Amino acid sequence: MLDRASAGTLLKAAPWPVVIFSVAMYLIVFGLRNAGLIDGAARLVAAAAAHGRAAGVMAIGVGSAALSGAVNNLPATMIGALTVAGSGSGHSQLVYANIIGSDIGPKLTPIGSLATLLWLDSLRRHGLTVTWQYYLKVGLIITPPVLIAALAALAR
């Protein structure tokens, strides 16, 4: 039988910095869209896709991965989806390339995904620390070849 927790217990245990971060990311993405910056990204992806499906897949996939590593995969996925929709390219693989980039790219940095932030927080609470330097070193070695291989397979 499962133990029941009170609402107060759950609210106290919630990872509030991560919750606030998530809400802030949504606000930023829609601010960028409203400012027209996503339209510029859509034009770049459309230009790449005009050179063929593989070029479009690489453009959105690598772009989503880089953005995921830089700011987090939550906003990167949203920006990528808005970018693909605005590109008018008609290549359905661009949707999948955005997903691949947004799922693999977060492995570049510790802030790349909410799951990683939660995992690192849990490790820290249990006395284990993964430094930024170590995470970046491993991420930069493993992530690029995995990303390129996955995108190349999609573009075939």
C-alpha atoms as a PDB file:
ATOM      1  CA  MET A   1       0.000   0.000   0.000  1.00  0.00           C
ATOM      2  CA  LEU A   2       1.240   3.497  -0.834  1.00  0.00           C
ATOM      3  CA  ASP A   3       1.780   6.066   1.875  1.00  0.00           C
ATOM      4  CA  ARG A   4      -0.132   9.262   1.378  1.00  0.00           C
ATOM      5  CA  ALA A   5       1.625  12.588   1.657  1.00  0.00           C
ATOM      6  CA  SER A   6      -0.053  15.818   2.562  1.00  0.00           C
ATOM      7  CA  ALA A   7      -0.126  18.729   0.149  1.00  0.00           C
ATOM      8  CA  GLY A   8       2.118  20.640   2.541  1.00  0.00           C
ATOM      9  CA  THR A   9       4.714  17.867   2.534  1.00  0.00           C
ATOM     10  CA  LEU A  10       4.702  17.756  -1.260  1.00  0.00           C
ATOM     11  CA  LEU A  11       4.996  21.533  -1.543  1.00  0.00           C
ATOM     12  CA  LYS A  12       7.947  21.566   0.873  1.00  0.00           C
ATOM     13  CA  ALA A  13       9.710  18.780  -1.046  1.00  0.00           C
ATOM     14  CA  ALA A  14       9.113  20.289  -4.501  1.00  0.00           C
ATOM     15  CA  PRO A  15      12.241  21.388  -6.395  1.00  0.00           C
ATOM     16  CA  TRP A  16      11.141  25.031  -6.525  1.00  0.00           C
ATOM     17  CA  PRO A  17      14.182  26.364  -8.379  1.00  0.00           C
ATOM     18  CA  VAL A  18      13.468  23.887 -11.193  1.00  0.00           C
ATOM     19  CA  VAL A  19       9.749  24.768 -11.235  1.00  0.00           C
ATOM     20  CA  ILE A  20      10.518  28.493 -11.442  1.00  0.00           C
ATOM     21  CA  PHE A  21      13.145  27.830 -14.117  1.00  0.00           C
ATOM     22  CA  SER A  22      10.590  25.896 -16.215  1.00  0.00           C
ATOM     23  CA  VAL A  23       7.955  28.609 -16.036  1.00  0.00           C
ATOM     24  CA  ALA A  24      10.551  31.247 -16.889  1.00  0.00           C
ATOM     25  CA  MET A  25      11.631  29.262 -19.955  1.00  0.00           C
ATOM     26  CA  TYR A  26       8.083  29.190 -21.315  1.00  0.00           C
ATOM     27  CA  LEU A  27       7.815  32.956 -20.873  1.00  0.00           C
ATOM     28  CA  ILE A  28      11.145  33.537 -22.615  1.00  0.00           C
ATOM     29  CA  VAL A  29      10.280  31.315 -25.597  1.00  0.00           C
ATOM     30  CA  PHE A  30       7.017  33.045 -26.284  1.00  0.00           C
ATOM     31  CA  GLY A  31       8.709  36.412 -25.786  1.00  0.00           C
ATOM     32  CA  LEU A  32      11.262  35.445 -28.442  1.00  0.00           C
ATOM     33  CA  ARG A  33       8.471  34.342 -30.764  1.00  0.00           C
ATOM     34  CA  ASN A  34       6.570  37.573 -30.232  1.00  0.00           C
ATOM     35  CA  ALA A  35       9.750  39.565 -30.913  1.00  0.00           C
ATOM     36  CA  GLY A  36      10.158  37.800 -34.267  1.00  0.00           C
ATOM     37  CA  LEU A  37      13.448  36.064 -33.448  1.00  0.00           C
ATOM     38  CA  ILE A  38      12.064  32.604 -34.153  1.00  0.00           C
ATOM     39  CA  ASP A  39      11.054  33.791 -37.634  1.00  0.00           C
ATOM     40  CA  GLY A  40      14.741  34.395 -38.347  1.00  0.00           C
ATOM     41  CA  ALA A  41      15.614  30.858 -37.241  1.00  0.00           C
ATOM     42  CA  ALA A  42      12.796  29.504 -39.428  1.00  0.00           C
ATOM     43  CA  ARG A  43      14.253  31.315 -42.450  1.00  0.00           C
ATOM     44  CA  LEU A  44      17.680  29.788 -41.766  1.00  0.00           C
ATOM     45  CA  VAL A  45      16.215  26.278 -41.508  1.00  0.00           C
ATOM     46  CA  ALA A  46      14.157  26.828 -44.672  1.00  0.00           C
ATOM     47  CA  ALA A  47      17.302  27.947 -46.505  1.00  0.00           C
ATOM     48  CA  ALA A  48      19.163  24.842 -45.331  1.00  0.00           C
ATOM     49  CA  ALA A  49      16.232  22.569 -46.239  1.00  0.00           C
ATOM     50  CA  ALA A  50      16.173  24.097 -49.723  1.00  0.00           C
ATOM     51  CA  HIS A  51      19.526  22.334 -50.236  1.00  0.00           C
ATOM     52  CA  GLY A  52      17.941  18.983 -49.442  1.00  0.00           C
ATOM     53  CA  ARG A  53      16.445  16.981 -46.630  1.00  0.00           C
ATOM     54  CA  ALA A  54      19.848  16.104 -45.113  1.00  0.00           C
ATOM     55  CA  ALA A  55      20.879  19.764 -44.866  1.00  0.00           C
ATOM     56  CA  GLY A  56      17.594  20.676 -43.206  1.00  0.00           C
ATOM     57  CA  VAL A  57      17.846  17.755 -40.784  1.00  0.00           C
ATOM     58  CA  MET A  58      21.392  18.725 -39.803  1.00  0.00           C
ATOM     59  CA  ALA A  59      20.486  22.407 -39.437  1.00  0.00           C
ATOM     60  CA  ILE A  60      17.554  21.932 -37.075  1.00  0.00           C
ATOM     61  CA  GLY A  61      19.117  18.945 -35.288  1.00  0.00           C
ATOM     62  CA  VAL A  62      22.455  20.587 -34.554  1.00  0.00           C
ATOM     63  CA  GLY A  63      20.725  23.892 -33.778  1.00  0.00           C
ATOM     64  CA  SER A  64      18.339  22.245 -31.311  1.00  0.00           C
ATOM     65  CA  ALA A  65      21.193  20.324 -29.710  1.00  0.00           C
ATOM     66  CA  ALA A  66      23.338  23.439 -29.269  1.00  0.00           C
ATOM     67  CA  LEU A  67      20.420  25.407 -27.884  1.00  0.00           C
ATOM     68  CA  SER A  68      19.519  22.538 -25.547  1.00  0.00           C
ATOM     69  CA  GLY A  69      23.019  22.450 -24.145  1.00  0.00           C
ATOM     70  CA  ALA A  70      23.139  26.231 -23.780  1.00  0.00           C
ATOM     71  CA  VAL A  71      19.749  26.982 -22.253  1.00  0.00           C
ATOM     72  CA  ASN A  72      17.947  23.660 -21.578  1.00  0.00           C
ATOM     73  CA  ASN A  73      16.008  21.232 -23.730  1.00  0.00           C
ATOM     74  CA  LEU A  74      12.605  22.498 -22.616  1.00  0.00           C
ATOM     75  CA  PRO A  75      12.853  25.862 -24.381  1.00  0.00           C
ATOM     76  CA  ALA A  76      15.003  24.396 -27.159  1.00  0.00           C
ATOM     77  CA  THR A  77      12.314  21.868 -28.063  1.00  0.00           C
ATOM     78  CA  MET A  78       9.666  24.586 -28.083  1.00  0.00           C
ATOM     79  CA  ILE A  79      11.826  26.944 -30.160  1.00  0.00           C
ATOM     80  CA  GLY A  80      12.683  24.100 -32.545  1.00  0.00           C
ATOM     81  CA  ALA A  81       9.023  23.176 -32.996  1.00  0.00           C
ATOM     82  CA  LEU A  82       8.087  26.794 -33.700  1.00  0.00           C
ATOM     83  CA  THR A  83      11.066  27.077 -36.058  1.00  0.00           C
ATOM     84  CA  VAL A  84      10.139  23.944 -38.027  1.00  0.00           C
ATOM     85  CA  ALA A  85       6.517  25.048 -38.259  1.00  0.00           C
ATOM     86  CA  GLY A  86       7.575  28.484 -39.492  1.00  0.00           C
ATOM     87  CA  SER A  87      10.074  27.118 -42.014  1.00  0.00           C
ATOM     88  CA  GLY A  88       7.407  25.781 -44.354  1.00  0.00           C
ATOM     89  CA  SER A  89       9.937  23.225 -45.576  1.00  0.00           C
ATOM     90  CA  GLY A  90       7.526  20.314 -45.790  1.00  0.00           C
ATOM     91  CA  HIS A  91      10.201  17.851 -44.628  1.00  0.00           C
ATOM     92  CA  SER A  92       8.593  15.805 -41.843  1.00  0.00           C
ATOM     93  CA  GLN A  93      12.055  14.626 -40.804  1.00  0.00           C
ATOM     94  CA  LEU A  94      12.751  18.125 -39.464  1.00  0.00           C
ATOM     95  CA  VAL A  95      10.283  17.464 -36.645  1.00  0.00           C
ATOM     96  CA  TYR A  96      12.189  14.316 -35.722  1.00  0.00           C
ATOM     97  CA  ALA A  97      15.535  16.101 -36.076  1.00  0.00           C
ATOM     98  CA  ASN A  98      14.339  18.689 -33.566  1.00  0.00           C
ATOM     99  CA  ILE A  99      13.405  15.908 -31.143  1.00  0.00           C
ATOM    100  CA  ILE A 100      16.738  14.145 -31.633  1.00  0.00           C
ATOM    101  CA  GLY A 101      18.702  17.362 -31.165  1.00  0.00           C
ATOM    102  CA  SER A 102      16.679  18.346 -28.116  1.00  0.00           C
ATOM    103  CA  ASP A 103      17.138  14.907 -26.548  1.00  0.00           C
ATOM    104  CA  ILE A 104      20.847  14.370 -27.290  1.00  0.00           C
ATOM    105  CA  GLY A 105      22.040  17.986 -27.031  1.00  0.00           C
ATOM    106  CA  PRO A 106      21.297  18.323 -23.305  1.00  0.00           C
ATOM    107  CA  LYS A 107      24.097  15.893 -22.604  1.00  0.00           C
ATOM    108  CA  LEU A 108      26.538  18.681 -23.506  1.00  0.00           C
ATOM    109  CA  THR A 109      26.039  20.613 -20.257  1.00  0.00           C
ATOM    110  CA  PRO A 110      24.577  20.032 -16.796  1.00  0.00           C
ATOM    111  CA  ILE A 111      21.802  22.570 -17.437  1.00  0.00           C
ATOM    112  CA  GLY A 112      20.766  20.784 -20.622  1.00  0.00           C
ATOM    113  CA  SER A 113      17.735  19.016 -19.208  1.00  0.00           C
ATOM    114  CA  LEU A 114      15.477  19.215 -16.206  1.00  0.00           C
ATOM    115  CA  ALA A 115      16.023  15.505 -15.611  1.00  0.00           C
ATOM    116  CA  THR A 116      19.773  16.092 -15.351  1.00  0.00           C
ATOM    117  CA  LEU A 117      19.268  19.021 -12.977  1.00  0.00           C
ATOM    118  CA  LEU A 118      17.040  16.876 -10.770  1.00  0.00           C
ATOM    119  CA  TRP A 119      19.451  13.939 -10.966  1.00  0.00           C
ATOM    120  CA  LEU A 120      22.460  16.085 -10.042  1.00  0.00           C
ATOM    121  CA  ASP A 121      20.482  17.646  -7.178  1.00  0.00           C
ATOM    122  CA  SER A 122      19.562  14.193  -5.897  1.00  0.00           C
ATOM    123  CA  LEU A 123      23.186  13.056  -6.098  1.00  0.00           C
ATOM    124  CA  ARG A 124      24.307  16.183  -4.227  1.00  0.00           C
ATOM    125  CA  ARG A 125      21.775  15.515  -1.468  1.00  0.00           C
ATOM    126  CA  HIS A 126      23.244  12.042  -1.104  1.00  0.00           C
ATOM    127  CA  GLY A 127      26.794  13.357  -0.818  1.00  0.00           C
ATOM    128  CA  LEU A 128      27.928  12.744  -4.424  1.00  0.00           C
ATOM    129  CA  THR A 129      29.091  15.622  -6.573  1.00  0.00           C
ATOM    130  CA  VAL A 130      29.535  15.686 -10.331  1.00  0.00           C
ATOM    131  CA  THR A 131      31.487  18.820 -11.223  1.00  0.00           C
ATOM    132  CA  TRP A 132      30.677  21.004 -14.206  1.00  0.00           C
ATOM    133  CA  GLN A 133      34.148  20.379 -15.584  1.00  0.00           C
ATOM    134  CA  TYR A 134      33.750  16.612 -15.488  1.00  0.00           C
ATOM    135  CA  TYR A 135      30.226  16.712 -16.941  1.00  0.00           C
ATOM    136  CA  LEU A 136      31.352  19.025 -19.773  1.00  0.00           C
ATOM    137  CA  LYS A 137      34.408  16.902 -20.537  1.00  0.00           C
ATOM    138  CA  VAL A 138      32.405  13.699 -20.864  1.00  0.00           C
ATOM    139  CA  GLY A 139      29.536  15.458 -22.662  1.00  0.00           C
ATOM    140  CA  LEU A 140      31.794  17.066 -25.258  1.00  0.00           C
ATOM    141  CA  ILE A 141      33.480  13.750 -26.024  1.00  0.00           C
ATOM    142  CA  ILE A 142      30.349  11.634 -26.340  1.00  0.00           C
ATOM    143  CA  THR A 143      27.557  13.931 -27.507  1.00  0.00           C
ATOM    144  CA  PRO A 144      28.726  15.255 -30.920  1.00  0.00           C
ATOM    145  CA  PRO A 145      29.411  11.876 -32.555  1.00  0.00           C
ATOM    146  CA  VAL A 146      26.172  10.392 -31.196  1.00  0.00           C
ATOM    147  CA  LEU A 147      24.207  13.407 -32.433  1.00  0.00           C
ATOM    148  CA  ILE A 148      25.718  13.375 -35.926  1.00  0.00           C
ATOM    149  CA  ALA A 149      25.204   9.605 -36.266  1.00  0.00           C
ATOM    150  CA  ALA A 150      21.557   9.857 -35.208  1.00  0.00           C
ATOM    151  CA  LEU A 151      20.855  12.787 -37.538  1.00  0.00           C
ATOM    152  CA  ALA A 152      22.667  11.087 -40.429  1.00  0.00           C
ATOM    153  CA  ALA A 153      20.542   7.978 -39.931  1.00  0.00           C
ATOM    154  CA  LEU A 154      17.391  10.107 -39.959  1.00  0.00           C
ATOM    155  CA  ALA A 155      18.464  11.971 -43.110  1.00  0.00           C
ATOM    156  CA  ARG A 156      18.975   8.762 -45.133  1.00  0.00           C
END
